[in-house]
């Protein structure tokens, strides 16, 4: 954006050590200053830099921070739109014109720090460089390099004088501006010069392909670079604390992602010896790393789901997390807005659903509600979502279990036409029951309360197509809500089944799904107790043969590692669910007479699983985690639920 040259000169001109003003523009001759190496110290700014030890690793050396004067620069009259600054900062682009400088002819950024807090950030950036300079190659590759500073006097600690930070220029766009371009994908691919050699960095061996594949490959490259840079800071005892799209740049020169200026970087260890203990420092370190990883999660979410670039949508996204909802349920929360304007399929949703929902798993680990549950940079770099198809990965049991549930959810979202699909989904449900991560009753009591949406039932399915009943009823959503009662010593839940429906017009119902909406509610009280479900109750030869076949079916191939069982157990731990009396009510937006209401009720009971109308037919729970639940009915059918929080479009 253009900057008036006269205004720039007036702002940047500051008294020098001799009391004379030095203009910002390079057209006025000035005697260049003598460069001096600078080592930021907490106690004194005039001390002589200590030499770096010889065993500090490759790339070790003195901090390349020098003191400049304004006469060393030709200041441009424009500033790139991608340069991000605060209200107490003024930003200028400039070209180094001193032939004796190593930066001669290169473009730099002059960041004039106005307030006391801004100057403190600038001095902190110089101080942080002391720690990072031991591995200068990593610093230059993954951080925005600070070249030096401009001050009127010799003391960088002066608070009343001008302070200008001189740092690297890495293109005209921040990552946010890249993503806001209409043709961001081919432009960023060209900037990174993606070829087969480059994509091998993420375990791929090809370029091009469908848009989903191209975007996923690019996001892997950006995310891996970002995680390597953040891990570089963490390994040096620093947390960035300001990771945002505006502070991340992509360098067209070395093709690396650069994290922003480290003016707000925080040490893991408290410098005050009165507050510094081993336990407190360890807790502080974990909290700082967790904060950075949450910021990385926000960056990944915006890169993959472009809808979150809208401020109002992102506010709902953050509100979901702030309220304490589990990030494992993000897919259910975001699904309405991701599919709202994408009749052919949302690209971000397809990327996160790939590899058995690995993207949603990584997002949930980065944004975990409890800081100690968030994934580290090193573990994130090993996550299947960030590893290409040519890399052999060894996913954890939790990732495999997540993939199993995600695949079952995606299968349940499609209409099940053939018997083969129904058998395969029933097999996935049974396998999830074998791998239940929370078999204890205490786990169920903690996880069970909430709003659960019915995805699938392994029992009989009856629709409208062949029967053509009157009236035509369309079942919308079926919910089961568990709420723990506070006035009881025993674990008693208030259980409510809400069945949403529409009464459609009989003339054109296959094409017109509009109609009168209503809800059928069934309430009861449920008691939870420890129980078991027996897989094979008979001891005959036929039963043993069937059991052997079933064991080979469950424990072969990819499931051998996750189950760690040589054969299926005879029984599985469950929780028994005992119901009290039922209370049934129905409401509808249109007026119904008694006969019509009875027909509507009968049709609802025909299309929905009997366990959702008669809650007493639910006998036990066989699987539960933060996002999925499986209940069994008295006839052996399984009800497959996903946790449903408040919707993003509500």
Foldseek 3Di string as FASTA:
>chain_A
DFADPVVQQVVPWWQAPVRDTDTLALPDDDDKDDWDFFAQDPPDRPDDDDFDDPPLDPQAGGQQAIETASNQWHWDRDAFPLQDDDPQKDKTKIAGCDPVDPRHGHIKMKIKGHAQLSLLLLSLLNNVSNLLSSRVVLCVFAAWAWNYWYWRYDGSPDRPTIIITITHDADRHFQLVLLPDPPSLVVLCVLLVDDQVVLVVQQDRHDDDDPLVSLLSVLLQQLLLNLSSQVSQLVSQKFQLDQDSSQWHQHSPPRGIHGHRSSPIDGLADPDVVQGDPVSSVVSSLVRQLSRLLSSLVVSCCSLQVVCSDPLLVVLVVVCLVVPAQLLCVCLQCVCVQCVPCVPGRSSVVLCPPPLNQNSVLSRQSSGNDSVSHDHSVVSCLGPSSHDPNDDGDDDLVSVLSSLVSVLQVLLVDDDDDPVSLVVSVLSVVLQLLLFPDLDPVVCLVQVAAKKKFRDKSDDADACDPPVDPFHKDWDIKIWGWDFDPVDPAGKTKIKIKIKMFRDDSPPCVVDVDHKIKIKMKIWMKGKAKDKDFDQPDDDPVSVVVQVVVQCVNCDDPNVVSNVDPGGDRMGIWIFIAIDDMDIDMDIPDDDDPVSVVVVVVVVCVRDPVCSVVVRQFTIWRHDDNFWTWTAGVVGMITIITGHDDHSVD
